[in-house]
Every structure is written in C-alpha cells, then in structure tokens.
C-alpha cells in the first residue's frame, strides 16, 4: 500500500462522488462537463494509486534494485488524459452550438423548447 495509506482511496472516492453528483444534479451543460472531468480525474487518481509501490523504483534496470513500480497504469493514464481533453473539447463545442441554436444551455429550457426529448 502507498505511503498515504488509505487516504488516497478516500480522496478518489470523494472526487468520484462529487463528479457524479455534479453530473446528476446540474441542469447546466457546462457544469455537467465539469462534473465529468472531476469524475475522470478521480479515475486517473485511482489508477495511479494502484500503480504505486511503496519503496519501488522506476522501471529502469539498475544495480541493487529488486522492487519496481508498474509503469502500465501511468502509460494508460497518459492516453486517457489525451482522450479526456479531446472529449471535453467536443462537448464544449457542442455546448456552444446548442447555445447558438437554442439560446440556452440549461436542460430544462431545452426540454421546454422540444417536448419530444
């Protein structure tokens, strides 16, 4: 287990629940996107916590080192960050188009304009 003990797990669960609450409770599309980013950050934190080994060295062969940290979670997180930035950009671009087309980014207003949704 990491040097933080159980606190890293408490932090990522708190961030995950805060992000989920932001997505569920808000009717503003930008706030929903921010909530998804908070949720995504908590998942990053979780994976990085799983990849950390207390006393482990980086995955480079060195004399006298017998314990190495797993590099795979960190590599996966780098890819996930790129995908997350792209997804956020697309979501914000769609939000701008919705604002231009309908004049609002509040879900309640959008539902009133088109009751078939």
PDB file of N, CA and C in Angstrom:
ATOM      1  N   UNK A   1       0.850  -1.178   0.000  1.00  0.00           N
ATOM      2  CA  UNK A   1       0.000   0.000   0.000  1.00  0.00           C
ATOM      3  C   UNK A   1       0.892   1.237   0.000  1.00  0.00           C
ATOM      4  N   UNK A   2       0.398   2.307  -0.513  1.00  0.00           N
ATOM      5  CA  UNK A   2       1.208   3.513  -0.666  1.00  0.00           C
ATOM      6  C   UNK A   2       1.469   4.185   0.678  1.00  0.00           C
ATOM      7  N   UNK A   3       2.348   5.187   0.644  1.00  0.00           N
ATOM      8  CA  UNK A   3       2.706   5.923   1.845  1.00  0.00           C
ATOM      9  C   UNK A   3       1.528   6.699   2.429  1.00  0.00           C
ATOM     10  N   UNK A   4       0.553   7.006   1.612  1.00  0.00           N
ATOM     11  CA  UNK A   4      -0.620   7.732   2.106  1.00  0.00           C
ATOM     12  C   UNK A   4      -1.577   6.827   2.866  1.00  0.00           C
ATOM     13  N   UNK A   5      -1.371   5.528   2.788  1.00  0.00           N
ATOM     14  CA  UNK A   5      -2.275   4.607   3.461  1.00  0.00           C
ATOM     15  C   UNK A   5      -3.612   4.564   2.759  1.00  0.00           C
ATOM     16  N   UNK A   6      -4.650   4.788   3.503  1.00  0.00           N
ATOM     17  CA  UNK A   6      -5.993   4.702   2.940  1.00  0.00           C
ATOM     18  C   UNK A   6      -6.484   6.045   2.382  1.00  0.00           C
ATOM     19  N   UNK A   7      -5.760   7.128   2.648  1.00  0.00           N
ATOM     20  CA  UNK A   7      -6.239   8.456   2.262  1.00  0.00           C
ATOM     21  C   UNK A   7      -6.365   8.640   0.761  1.00  0.00           C
ATOM     22  N   UNK A   8      -5.497   8.024  -0.027  1.00  0.00           N
ATOM     23  CA  UNK A   8      -5.625   8.177  -1.471  1.00  0.00           C
ATOM     24  C   UNK A   8      -6.929   7.562  -1.969  1.00  0.00           C
ATOM     25  N   UNK A   9      -7.382   6.470  -1.340  1.00  0.00           N
ATOM     26  CA  UNK A   9      -8.649   5.875  -1.732  1.00  0.00           C
ATOM     27  C   UNK A   9      -9.834   6.728  -1.288  1.00  0.00           C
ATOM     28  N   UNK A  10      -9.737   7.313  -0.121  1.00  0.00           N
ATOM     29  CA  UNK A  10     -10.795   8.210   0.354  1.00  0.00           C
ATOM     30  C   UNK A  10     -10.918   9.422  -0.577  1.00  0.00           C
ATOM     31  N   UNK A  11      -9.774   9.952  -1.008  1.00  0.00           N
ATOM     32  CA  UNK A  11      -9.790  11.118  -1.892  1.00  0.00           C
ATOM     33  C   UNK A  11     -10.415  10.778  -3.226  1.00  0.00           C
ATOM     34  N   UNK A  12     -10.034   9.644  -3.817  1.00  0.00           N
ATOM     35  CA  UNK A  12     -10.597   9.365  -5.127  1.00  0.00           C
ATOM     36  C   UNK A  12     -12.077   8.995  -5.045  1.00  0.00           C
ATOM     37  N   UNK A  13     -12.514   8.378  -3.970  1.00  0.00           N
ATOM     38  CA  UNK A  13     -13.956   8.109  -3.823  1.00  0.00           C
ATOM     39  C   UNK A  13     -14.718   9.417  -3.638  1.00  0.00           C
ATOM     40  N   UNK A  14     -14.158  10.347  -2.853  1.00  0.00           N
ATOM     41  CA  UNK A  14     -14.804  11.652  -2.682  1.00  0.00           C
ATOM     42  C   UNK A  14     -14.910  12.389  -4.018  1.00  0.00           C
ATOM     43  N   UNK A  15     -13.804  12.416  -4.783  1.00  0.00           N
ATOM     44  CA  UNK A  15     -13.838  13.084  -6.088  1.00  0.00           C
ATOM     45  C   UNK A  15     -14.827  12.410  -7.034  1.00  0.00           C
ATOM     46  N   UNK A  16     -14.873  11.088  -6.993  1.00  0.00           N
ATOM     47  CA  UNK A  16     -15.799  10.362  -7.866  1.00  0.00           C
ATOM     48  C   UNK A  16     -17.249  10.700  -7.534  1.00  0.00           C
ATOM     49  N   UNK A  17     -17.566  10.703  -6.265  1.00  0.00           N
ATOM     50  CA  UNK A  17     -18.943  11.009  -5.862  1.00  0.00           C
ATOM     51  C   UNK A  17     -19.291  12.475  -6.122  1.00  0.00           C
ATOM     52  N   UNK A  18     -18.322  13.375  -5.939  1.00  0.00           N
ATOM     53  CA  UNK A  18     -18.564  14.791  -6.231  1.00  0.00           C
ATOM     54  C   UNK A  18     -18.820  14.994  -7.718  1.00  0.00           C
ATOM     55  N   UNK A  19     -18.036  14.342  -8.563  1.00  0.00           N
ATOM     56  CA  UNK A  19     -18.244  14.444 -10.007  1.00  0.00           C
ATOM     57  C   UNK A  19     -19.581  13.856 -10.425  1.00  0.00           C
ATOM     58  N   UNK A  20     -19.931  12.715  -9.866  1.00  0.00           N
ATOM     59  CA  UNK A  20     -21.223  12.097 -10.182  1.00  0.00           C
ATOM     60  C   UNK A  20     -22.377  12.987  -9.741  1.00  0.00           C
ATOM     61  N   UNK A  21     -22.253  13.584  -8.560  1.00  0.00           N
ATOM     62  CA  UNK A  21     -23.293  14.499  -8.075  1.00  0.00           C
ATOM     63  C   UNK A  21     -23.438  15.707  -8.999  1.00  0.00           C
ATOM     64  N   UNK A  22     -22.309  16.234  -9.470  1.00  0.00           N
ATOM     65  CA  UNK A  22     -22.365  17.392 -10.371  1.00  0.00           C
ATOM     66  C   UNK A  22     -23.074  17.034 -11.670  1.00  0.00           C
ATOM     67  N   UNK A  23     -22.840  15.845 -12.183  1.00  0.00           N
ATOM     68  CA  UNK A  23     -23.475  15.427 -13.434  1.00  0.00           C
ATOM     69  C   UNK A  23     -24.970  15.225 -13.233  1.00  0.00           C
ATOM     70  N   UNK A  24     -25.349  14.604 -12.138  1.00  0.00           N
ATOM     71  CA  UNK A  24     -26.765  14.285 -11.908  1.00  0.00           C
ATOM     72  C   UNK A  24     -27.570  15.507 -11.496  1.00  0.00           C
ATOM     73  N   UNK A  25     -27.022  16.361 -10.643  1.00  0.00           N
ATOM     74  CA  UNK A  25     -27.812  17.434 -10.044  1.00  0.00           C
ATOM     75  C   UNK A  25     -27.915  18.690 -10.907  1.00  0.00           C
ATOM     76  N   UNK A  26     -26.956  18.917 -11.771  1.00  0.00           N
ATOM     77  CA  UNK A  26     -26.934  20.169 -12.529  1.00  0.00           C
ATOM     78  C   UNK A  26     -27.729  20.046 -13.822  1.00  0.00           C
ATOM     79  N   UNK A  27     -28.383  21.142 -14.193  1.00  0.00           N
ATOM     80  CA  UNK A  27     -29.073  21.182 -15.486  1.00  0.00           C
ATOM     81  C   UNK A  27     -28.290  21.993 -16.507  1.00  0.00           C
ATOM     82  N   UNK A  28     -27.212  22.635 -16.071  1.00  0.00           N
ATOM     83  CA  UNK A  28     -26.367  23.419 -16.961  1.00  0.00           C
ATOM     84  C   UNK A  28     -25.381  22.476 -17.649  1.00  0.00           C
ATOM     85  N   UNK A  29     -25.290  22.549 -18.978  1.00  0.00           N
ATOM     86  CA  UNK A  29     -24.450  21.617 -19.724  1.00  0.00           C
ATOM     87  C   UNK A  29     -22.957  21.800 -19.417  1.00  0.00           C
ATOM     88  N   UNK A  30     -22.511  23.029 -19.195  1.00  0.00           N
ATOM     89  CA  UNK A  30     -21.100  23.255 -18.876  1.00  0.00           C
ATOM     90  C   UNK A  30     -20.769  22.653 -17.513  1.00  0.00           C
ATOM     91  N   UNK A  31     -21.667  22.794 -16.554  1.00  0.00           N
ATOM     92  CA  UNK A  31     -21.436  22.204 -15.228  1.00  0.00           C
ATOM     93  C   UNK A  31     -21.405  20.681 -15.309  1.00  0.00           C
ATOM     94  N   UNK A  32     -22.198  20.102 -16.195  1.00  0.00           N
ATOM     95  CA  UNK A  32     -22.162  18.655 -16.397  1.00  0.00           C
ATOM     96  C   UNK A  32     -20.815  18.217 -16.957  1.00  0.00           C
ATOM     97  N   UNK A  33     -20.278  18.987 -17.898  1.00  0.00           N
ATOM     98  CA  UNK A  33     -18.969  18.667 -18.467  1.00  0.00           C
ATOM     99  C   UNK A  33     -17.882  18.780 -17.400  1.00  0.00           C
ATOM    100  N   UNK A  34     -17.972  19.793 -16.558  1.00  0.00           N
ATOM    101  CA  UNK A  34     -17.008  19.927 -15.457  1.00  0.00           C
ATOM    102  C   UNK A  34     -17.131  18.738 -14.502  1.00  0.00           C
ATOM    103  N   UNK A  35     -18.353  18.309 -14.210  1.00  0.00           N
ATOM    104  CA  UNK A  35     -18.562  17.139 -13.360  1.00  0.00           C
ATOM    105  C   UNK A  35     -17.956  15.880 -13.962  1.00  0.00           C
ATOM    106  N   UNK A  36     -18.092  15.716 -15.281  1.00  0.00           N
ATOM    107  CA  UNK A  36     -17.471  14.568 -15.937  1.00  0.00           C
ATOM    108  C   UNK A  36     -15.954  14.630 -15.832  1.00  0.00           C
ATOM    109  N   UNK A  37     -15.385  15.822 -15.927  1.00  0.00           N
ATOM    110  CA  UNK A  37     -13.931  15.971 -15.787  1.00  0.00           C
ATOM    111  C   UNK A  37     -13.470  15.654 -14.370  1.00  0.00           C
ATOM    112  N   UNK A  38     -14.237  16.046 -13.360  1.00  0.00           N
ATOM    113  CA  UNK A  38     -13.886  15.718 -11.967  1.00  0.00           C
ATOM    114  C   UNK A  38     -13.953  14.201 -11.776  1.00  0.00           C
ATOM    115  N   UNK A  39     -14.993  13.580 -12.318  1.00  0.00           N
ATOM    116  CA  UNK A  39     -15.135  12.129 -12.237  1.00  0.00           C
ATOM    117  C   UNK A  39     -13.950  11.444 -12.919  1.00  0.00           C
ATOM    118  N   UNK A  40     -13.594  11.936 -14.088  1.00  0.00           N
ATOM    119  CA  UNK A  40     -12.479  11.374 -14.841  1.00  0.00           C
ATOM    120  C   UNK A  40     -11.158  11.529 -14.080  1.00  0.00           C
ATOM    121  N   UNK A  41     -10.966  12.654 -13.444  1.00  0.00           N
ATOM    122  CA  UNK A  41      -9.752  12.879 -12.657  1.00  0.00           C
ATOM    123  C   UNK A  41      -9.670  11.902 -11.497  1.00  0.00           C
ATOM    124  N   UNK A  42     -10.802  11.583 -10.889  1.00  0.00           N
ATOM    125  CA  UNK A  42     -10.788  10.611  -9.802  1.00  0.00           C
ATOM    126  C   UNK A  42     -10.365   9.232 -10.296  1.00  0.00           C
ATOM    127  N   UNK A  43     -10.779   8.875 -11.495  1.00  0.00           N
ATOM    128  CA  UNK A  43     -10.361   7.585 -12.060  1.00  0.00           C
ATOM    129  C   UNK A  43      -8.861   7.593 -12.335  1.00  0.00           C
ATOM    130  N   UNK A  44      -8.334   8.715 -12.826  1.00  0.00           N
ATOM    131  CA  UNK A  44      -6.884   8.829 -13.029  1.00  0.00           C
ATOM    132  C   UNK A  44      -6.150   8.612 -11.704  1.00  0.00           C
ATOM    133  N   UNK A  45      -6.633   9.266 -10.671  1.00  0.00           N
ATOM    134  CA  UNK A  45      -6.013   9.164  -9.351  1.00  0.00           C
ATOM    135  C   UNK A  45      -6.040   7.724  -8.846  1.00  0.00           C
ATOM    136  N   UNK A  46      -7.149   7.031  -9.109  1.00  0.00           N
ATOM    137  CA  UNK A  46      -7.277   5.643  -8.682  1.00  0.00           C
ATOM    138  C   UNK A  46      -6.240   4.766  -9.392  1.00  0.00           C
ATOM    139  N   UNK A  47      -6.123   4.904 -10.706  1.00  0.00           N
ATOM    140  CA  UNK A  47      -5.173   4.078 -11.446  1.00  0.00           C
ATOM    141  C   UNK A  47      -3.733   4.365 -11.027  1.00  0.00           C
ATOM    142  N   UNK A  48      -3.421   5.631 -10.822  1.00  0.00           N
ATOM    143  CA  UNK A  48      -2.062   5.971 -10.390  1.00  0.00           C
ATOM    144  C   UNK A  48      -1.796   5.400  -9.000  1.00  0.00           C
ATOM    145  N   UNK A  49      -2.790   5.402  -8.129  1.00  0.00           N
ATOM    146  CA  UNK A  49      -2.630   4.813  -6.791  1.00  0.00           C
ATOM    147  C   UNK A  49      -2.377   3.313  -6.884  1.00  0.00           C
ATOM    148  N   UNK A  50      -3.046   2.639  -7.812  1.00  0.00           N
ATOM    149  CA  UNK A  50      -2.843   1.201  -7.968  1.00  0.00           C
ATOM    150  C   UNK A  50      -1.443   0.891  -8.491  1.00  0.00           C
ATOM    151  N   UNK A  51      -0.876   1.782  -9.298  1.00  0.00           N
ATOM    152  CA  UNK A  51       0.431   1.526  -9.886  1.00  0.00           C
ATOM    153  C   UNK A  51       1.596   1.846  -8.972  1.00  0.00           C
ATOM    154  N   UNK A  52       1.337   2.522  -7.866  1.00  0.00           N
ATOM    155  CA  UNK A  52       2.418   2.922  -6.956  1.00  0.00           C
ATOM    156  C   UNK A  52       2.745   1.781  -6.004  1.00  0.00           C
ATOM    157  N   UNK A  53       4.029   1.537  -5.819  1.00  0.00           N
ATOM    158  CA  UNK A  53       4.500   0.547  -4.853  1.00  0.00           C
ATOM    159  C   UNK A  53       5.439   1.262  -3.895  1.00  0.00           C
ATOM    160  N   UNK A  54       5.149   1.167  -2.611  1.00  0.00           N
ATOM    161  CA  UNK A  54       5.974   1.832  -1.604  1.00  0.00           C
ATOM    162  C   UNK A  54       7.388   1.246  -1.629  1.00  0.00           C
ATOM    163  N   UNK A  55       8.356   2.103  -1.872  1.00  0.00           N
ATOM    164  CA  UNK A  55       9.746   1.661  -1.938  1.00  0.00           C
ATOM    165  C   UNK A  55      10.161   1.166  -3.308  1.00  0.00           C
ATOM    166  N   UNK A  56       9.248   1.159  -4.259  1.00  0.00           N
ATOM    167  CA  UNK A  56       9.563   0.690  -5.601  1.00  0.00           C
ATOM    168  C   UNK A  56      10.273   1.755  -6.413  1.00  0.00           C
ATOM    169  N   UNK A  57      11.158   1.316  -7.277  1.00  0.00           N
ATOM    170  CA  UNK A  57      11.890   2.236  -8.153  1.00  0.00           C
ATOM    171  C   UNK A  57      11.190   2.309  -9.503  1.00  0.00           C
ATOM    172  N   UNK A  58      11.597   3.271 -10.292  1.00  0.00           N
ATOM    173  CA  UNK A  58      11.084   3.365 -11.650  1.00  0.00           C
ATOM    174  C   UNK A  58      11.482   2.134 -12.449  1.00  0.00           C
ATOM    175  N   UNK A  59      10.757   1.826 -13.513  1.00  0.00           N
ATOM    176  CA  UNK A  59      11.008   0.586 -14.251  1.00  0.00           C
ATOM    177  C   UNK A  59      12.250   0.659 -15.148  1.00  0.00           C
ATOM    178  N   UNK A  60      13.385   0.987 -14.549  1.00  0.00           N
ATOM    179  CA  UNK A  60      14.664   1.042 -15.256  1.00  0.00           C
ATOM    180  C   UNK A  60      15.619   0.109 -14.521  1.00  0.00           C
ATOM    181  N   UNK A  61      16.243  -0.786 -15.264  1.00  0.00           N
ATOM    182  CA  UNK A  61      17.161  -1.731 -14.634  1.00  0.00           C
ATOM    183  C   UNK A  61      18.329  -0.986 -13.997  1.00  0.00           C
ATOM    184  N   UNK A  62      18.542  -1.261 -12.738  1.00  0.00           N
ATOM    185  CA  UNK A  62      19.650  -0.642 -12.005  1.00  0.00           C
ATOM    186  C   UNK A  62      20.213  -1.670 -11.033  1.00  0.00           C
ATOM    187  N   UNK A  63      21.444  -1.494 -10.696  1.00  0.00           N
ATOM    188  CA  UNK A  63      22.091  -2.414  -9.781  1.00  0.00           C
ATOM    189  C   UNK A  63      21.531  -2.266  -8.369  1.00  0.00           C
ATOM    190  N   UNK A  64      21.222  -3.376  -7.750  1.00  0.00           N
ATOM    191  CA  UNK A  64      20.752  -3.368  -6.374  1.00  0.00           C
ATOM    192  C   UNK A  64      19.264  -3.108  -6.214  1.00  0.00           C
ATOM    193  N   UNK A  65      18.557  -2.839  -7.284  1.00  0.00           N
ATOM    194  CA  UNK A  65      17.113  -2.582  -7.194  1.00  0.00           C
ATOM    195  C   UNK A  65      16.374  -3.878  -7.493  1.00  0.00           C
ATOM    196  N   UNK A  66      15.506  -4.269  -6.582  1.00  0.00           N
ATOM    197  CA  UNK A  66      14.742  -5.503  -6.777  1.00  0.00           C
ATOM    198  C   UNK A  66      13.244  -5.259  -6.853  1.00  0.00           C
ATOM    199  N   UNK A  67      12.790  -4.073  -6.464  1.00  0.00           N
ATOM    200  CA  UNK A  67      11.364  -3.773  -6.447  1.00  0.00           C
ATOM    201  C   UNK A  67      11.087  -2.618  -7.393  1.00  0.00           C
ATOM    202  N   UNK A  68      10.219  -2.867  -8.364  1.00  0.00           N
ATOM    203  CA  UNK A  68       9.904  -1.859  -9.370  1.00  0.00           C
ATOM    204  C   UNK A  68       8.417  -1.525  -9.334  1.00  0.00           C
ATOM    205  N   UNK A  69       8.094  -0.264  -9.658  1.00  0.00           N
ATOM    206  CA  UNK A  69       6.700   0.149  -9.804  1.00  0.00           C
ATOM    207  C   UNK A  69       6.215  -0.254 -11.189  1.00  0.00           C
ATOM    208  N   UNK A  70       4.945  -0.539 -11.299  1.00  0.00           N
ATOM    209  CA  UNK A  70       4.359  -0.938 -12.574  1.00  0.00           C
ATOM    210  C   UNK A  70       4.141   0.307 -13.434  1.00  0.00           C
ATOM    211  N   UNK A  71       4.717   0.382 -14.634  1.00  0.00           N
ATOM    212  CA  UNK A  71       4.548   1.565 -15.474  1.00  0.00           C
ATOM    213  C   UNK A  71       3.245   1.567 -16.268  1.00  0.00           C
ATOM    214  N   UNK A  72       2.568   0.441 -16.365  1.00  0.00           N
ATOM    215  CA  UNK A  72       1.383   0.355 -17.216  1.00  0.00           C
ATOM    216  C   UNK A  72       0.267   1.327 -16.814  1.00  0.00           C
ATOM    217  N   UNK A  73      -0.097   1.452 -15.534  1.00  0.00           N
ATOM    218  CA  UNK A  73      -1.153   2.415 -15.194  1.00  0.00           C
ATOM    219  C   UNK A  73      -0.803   3.850 -15.597  1.00  0.00           C
ATOM    220  N   UNK A  74       0.449   4.226 -15.470  1.00  0.00           N
ATOM    221  CA  UNK A  74       0.845   5.583 -15.814  1.00  0.00           C
ATOM    222  C   UNK A  74       0.743   5.816 -17.321  1.00  0.00           C
ATOM    223  N   UNK A  75       1.111   4.814 -18.100  1.00  0.00           N
ATOM    224  CA  UNK A  75       1.006   4.924 -19.557  1.00  0.00           C
ATOM    225  C   UNK A  75      -0.466   4.999 -19.974  1.00  0.00           C
ATOM    226  N   UNK A  76      -1.301   4.199 -19.352  1.00  0.00           N
ATOM    227  CA  UNK A  76      -2.734   4.239 -19.672  1.00  0.00           C
ATOM    228  C   UNK A  76      -3.343   5.590 -19.316  1.00  0.00           C
ATOM    229  N   UNK A  77      -2.887   6.190 -18.236  1.00  0.00           N
ATOM    230  CA  UNK A  77      -3.406   7.488 -17.822  1.00  0.00           C
ATOM    231  C   UNK A  77      -3.005   8.567 -18.818  1.00  0.00           C
ATOM    232  N   UNK A  78      -1.796   8.502 -19.344  1.00  0.00           N
ATOM    233  CA  UNK A  78      -1.397   9.483 -20.364  1.00  0.00           C
ATOM    234  C   UNK A  78      -2.326   9.427 -21.570  1.00  0.00           C
ATOM    235  N   UNK A  79      -2.667   8.215 -22.005  1.00  0.00           N
ATOM    236  CA  UNK A  79      -3.607   8.067 -23.119  1.00  0.00           C
ATOM    237  C   UNK A  79      -4.984   8.575 -22.726  1.00  0.00           C
ATOM    238  N   UNK A  80      -5.430   8.273 -21.521  1.00  0.00           N
ATOM    239  CA  UNK A  80      -6.754   8.701 -21.069  1.00  0.00           C
ATOM    240  C   UNK A  80      -6.840  10.214 -20.943  1.00  0.00           C
ATOM    241  N   UNK A  81      -5.749  10.868 -20.573  1.00  0.00           N
ATOM    242  CA  UNK A  81      -5.751  12.331 -20.484  1.00  0.00           C
ATOM    243  C   UNK A  81      -5.965  12.938 -21.862  1.00  0.00           C
ATOM    244  N   UNK A  82      -5.291  12.405 -22.866  1.00  0.00           N
ATOM    245  CA  UNK A  82      -5.459  12.910 -24.230  1.00  0.00           C
ATOM    246  C   UNK A  82      -6.893  12.706 -24.705  1.00  0.00           C
ATOM    247  N   UNK A  83      -7.442  11.531 -24.455  1.00  0.00           N
ATOM    248  CA  UNK A  83      -8.827  11.262 -24.848  1.00  0.00           C
ATOM    249  C   UNK A  83      -9.783  12.165 -24.075  1.00  0.00           C
ATOM    250  N   UNK A  84      -9.513  12.392 -22.789  1.00  0.00           N
ATOM    251  CA  UNK A  84     -10.366  13.256 -21.976  1.00  0.00           C
ATOM    252  C   UNK A  84     -10.364  14.698 -22.451  1.00  0.00           C
ATOM    253  N   UNK A  85      -9.202  15.209 -22.833  1.00  0.00           N
ATOM    254  CA  UNK A  85      -9.127  16.580 -23.344  1.00  0.00           C
ATOM    255  C   UNK A  85      -9.904  16.697 -24.655  1.00  0.00           C
ATOM    256  N   UNK A  86      -9.754  15.715 -25.524  1.00  0.00           N
ATOM    257  CA  UNK A  86     -10.481  15.741 -26.796  1.00  0.00           C
ATOM    258  C   UNK A  86     -11.990  15.649 -26.574  1.00  0.00           C
ATOM    259  N   UNK A  87     -12.414  14.782 -25.664  1.00  0.00           N
ATOM    260  CA  UNK A  87     -13.841  14.643 -25.366  1.00  0.00           C
ATOM    261  C   UNK A  87     -14.400  15.925 -24.762  1.00  0.00           C
ATOM    262  N   UNK A  88     -13.652  16.555 -23.880  1.00  0.00           N
ATOM    263  CA  UNK A  88     -14.084  17.823 -23.292  1.00  0.00           C
ATOM    264  C   UNK A  88     -14.207  18.901 -24.354  1.00  0.00           C
ATOM    265  N   UNK A  89     -13.255  18.948 -25.271  1.00  0.00           N
ATOM    266  CA  UNK A  89     -13.311  19.941 -26.348  1.00  0.00           C
ATOM    267  C   UNK A  89     -14.536  19.737 -27.226  1.00  0.00           C
ATOM    268  N   UNK A  90     -14.844  18.487 -27.553  1.00  0.00           N
ATOM    269  CA  UNK A  90     -16.030  18.207 -28.365  1.00  0.00           C
ATOM    270  C   UNK A  90     -17.301  18.572 -27.592  1.00  0.00           C
ATOM    271  N   UNK A  91     -17.349  18.230 -26.314  1.00  0.00           N
ATOM    272  CA  UNK A  91     -18.517  18.570 -25.500  1.00  0.00           C
ATOM    273  C   UNK A  91     -18.734  20.069 -25.395  1.00  0.00           C
ATOM    274  N   UNK A  92     -17.664  20.823 -25.204  1.00  0.00           N
ATOM    275  CA  UNK A  92     -17.794  22.282 -25.115  1.00  0.00           C
ATOM    276  C   UNK A  92     -18.167  22.882 -26.473  1.00  0.00           C
ATOM    277  N   UNK A  93     -17.634  22.318 -27.557  1.00  0.00           N
ATOM    278  CA  UNK A  93     -18.007  22.796 -28.892  1.00  0.00           C
ATOM    279  C   UNK A  93     -19.497  22.542 -29.160  1.00  0.00           C
ATOM    280  N   UNK A  94     -19.989  21.382 -28.758  1.00  0.00           N
ATOM    281  CA  UNK A  94     -21.419  21.099 -28.915  1.00  0.00           C
ATOM    282  C   UNK A  94     -22.267  22.019 -28.044  1.00  0.00           C
ATOM    283  N   UNK A  95     -21.774  22.320 -26.858  1.00  0.00           N
ATOM    284  CA  UNK A  95     -22.493  23.245 -25.979  1.00  0.00           C
ATOM    285  C   UNK A  95     -22.589  24.631 -26.608  1.00  0.00           C
ATOM    286  N   UNK A  96     -21.523  25.085 -27.251  1.00  0.00           N
ATOM    287  CA  UNK A  96     -21.547  26.378 -27.939  1.00  0.00           C
ATOM    288  C   UNK A  96     -22.569  26.359 -29.068  1.00  0.00           C
ATOM    289  N   UNK A  97     -22.602  25.268 -29.833  1.00  0.00           N
ATOM    290  CA  UNK A  97     -23.571  25.165 -30.929  1.00  0.00           C
ATOM    291  C   UNK A  97     -25.004  25.125 -30.396  1.00  0.00           C
ATOM    292  N   UNK A  98     -25.216  24.445 -29.296  1.00  0.00           N
ATOM    293  CA  UNK A  98     -26.555  24.407 -28.690  1.00  0.00           C
ATOM    294  C   UNK A  98     -26.955  25.804 -28.233  1.00  0.00           C
ATOM    295  N   UNK A  99     -26.024  26.534 -27.630  1.00  0.00           N
ATOM    296  CA  UNK A  99     -26.300  27.908 -27.182  1.00  0.00           C
ATOM    297  C   UNK A  99     -26.644  28.806 -28.372  1.00  0.00           C
ATOM    298  N   UNK A 100     -25.901  28.661 -29.482  1.00  0.00           N
ATOM    299  CA  UNK A 100     -26.181  29.467 -30.671  1.00  0.00           C
ATOM    300  C   UNK A 100     -27.528  29.107 -31.297  1.00  0.00           C
ATOM    301  N   UNK A 101     -27.869  27.830 -31.300  1.00  0.00           N
ATOM    302  CA  UNK A 101     -29.112  27.386 -31.949  1.00  0.00           C
ATOM    303  C   UNK A 101     -30.345  27.626 -31.092  1.00  0.00           C
ATOM    304  N   UNK A 102     -30.260  27.370 -29.804  1.00  0.00           N
ATOM    305  CA  UNK A 102     -31.435  27.428 -28.939  1.00  0.00           C
ATOM    306  C   UNK A 102     -31.432  28.589 -27.959  1.00  0.00           C
ATOM    307  N   UNK A 103     -30.288  29.249 -27.782  1.00  0.00           N
ATOM    308  CA  UNK A 103     -30.219  30.393 -26.888  1.00  0.00           C
ATOM    309  C   UNK A 103     -30.089  30.048 -25.422  1.00  0.00           C
ATOM    310  N   UNK A 104     -29.877  28.779 -25.092  1.00  0.00           N
ATOM    311  CA  UNK A 104     -29.754  28.375 -23.696  1.00  0.00           C
ATOM    312  C   UNK A 104     -28.925  27.097 -23.610  1.00  0.00           C
ATOM    313  N   UNK A 105     -28.277  26.911 -22.462  1.00  0.00           N
ATOM    314  CA  UNK A 105     -27.574  25.658 -22.210  1.00  0.00           C
ATOM    315  C   UNK A 105     -28.143  24.959 -20.971  1.00  0.00           C
ATOM    316  N   UNK A 106     -29.306  25.389 -20.539  1.00  0.00           N
ATOM    317  CA  UNK A 106     -29.997  24.743 -19.427  1.00  0.00           C
ATOM    318  C   UNK A 106     -30.897  23.640 -19.978  1.00  0.00           C
ATOM    319  N   UNK A 107     -30.794  22.448 -19.405  1.00  0.00           N
ATOM    320  CA  UNK A 107     -31.588  21.317 -19.888  1.00  0.00           C
ATOM    321  C   UNK A 107     -33.078  21.569 -19.790  1.00  0.00           C
ATOM    322  N   UNK A 108     -33.513  22.227 -18.720  1.00  0.00           N
ATOM    323  CA  UNK A 108     -34.946  22.487 -18.553  1.00  0.00           C
ATOM    324  C   UNK A 108     -35.480  23.348 -19.690  1.00  0.00           C
ATOM    325  N   UNK A 109     -34.728  24.370 -20.066  1.00  0.00           N
ATOM    326  CA  UNK A 109     -35.150  25.235 -21.171  1.00  0.00           C
ATOM    327  C   UNK A 109     -35.171  24.475 -22.490  1.00  0.00           C
ATOM    328  N   UNK A 110     -34.195  23.615 -22.693  1.00  0.00           N
ATOM    329  CA  UNK A 110     -34.136  22.837 -23.925  1.00  0.00           C
ATOM    330  C   UNK A 110     -35.303  21.854 -24.010  1.00  0.00           C
ATOM    331  N   UNK A 111     -35.684  21.266 -22.877  1.00  0.00           N
ATOM    332  CA  UNK A 111     -36.832  20.356 -22.867  1.00  0.00           C
ATOM    333  C   UNK A 111     -38.138  21.093 -23.145  1.00  0.00           C
ATOM    334  N   UNK A 112     -38.245  22.321 -22.673  1.00  0.00           N
ATOM    335  CA  UNK A 112     -39.448  23.115 -22.942  1.00  0.00           C
ATOM    336  C   UNK A 112     -39.568  23.463 -24.414  1.00  0.00           C
ATOM    337  N   UNK A 113     -38.425  23.681 -25.074  1.00  0.00           N
ATOM    338  CA  UNK A 113     -38.438  24.022 -26.496  1.00  0.00           C
ATOM    339  C   UNK A 113     -38.790  22.821 -27.363  1.00  0.00           C
ATOM    340  N   UNK A 114     -38.376  21.640 -26.973  1.00  0.00           N
ATOM    341  CA  UNK A 114     -38.647  20.425 -27.743  1.00  0.00           C
ATOM    342  C   UNK A 114     -39.142  19.346 -26.796  1.00  0.00           C
ATOM    343  N   UNK A 115     -40.469  19.217 -26.655  1.00  0.00           N
ATOM    344  CA  UNK A 115     -41.004  18.252 -25.688  1.00  0.00           C
ATOM    345  C   UNK A 115     -40.785  16.785 -26.083  1.00  0.00           C
ATOM    346  N   UNK A 116     -40.322  16.520 -27.313  1.00  0.00           N
ATOM    347  CA  UNK A 116     -40.104  15.123 -27.717  1.00  0.00           C
ATOM    348  C   UNK A 116     -38.823  14.550 -27.118  1.00  0.00           C
ATOM    349  N   UNK A 117     -37.989  15.388 -26.484  1.00  0.00           N
ATOM    350  CA  UNK A 117     -36.734  14.907 -25.897  1.00  0.00           C
ATOM    351  C   UNK A 117     -37.008  14.238 -24.572  1.00  0.00           C
TER     352      UNK A 117
END
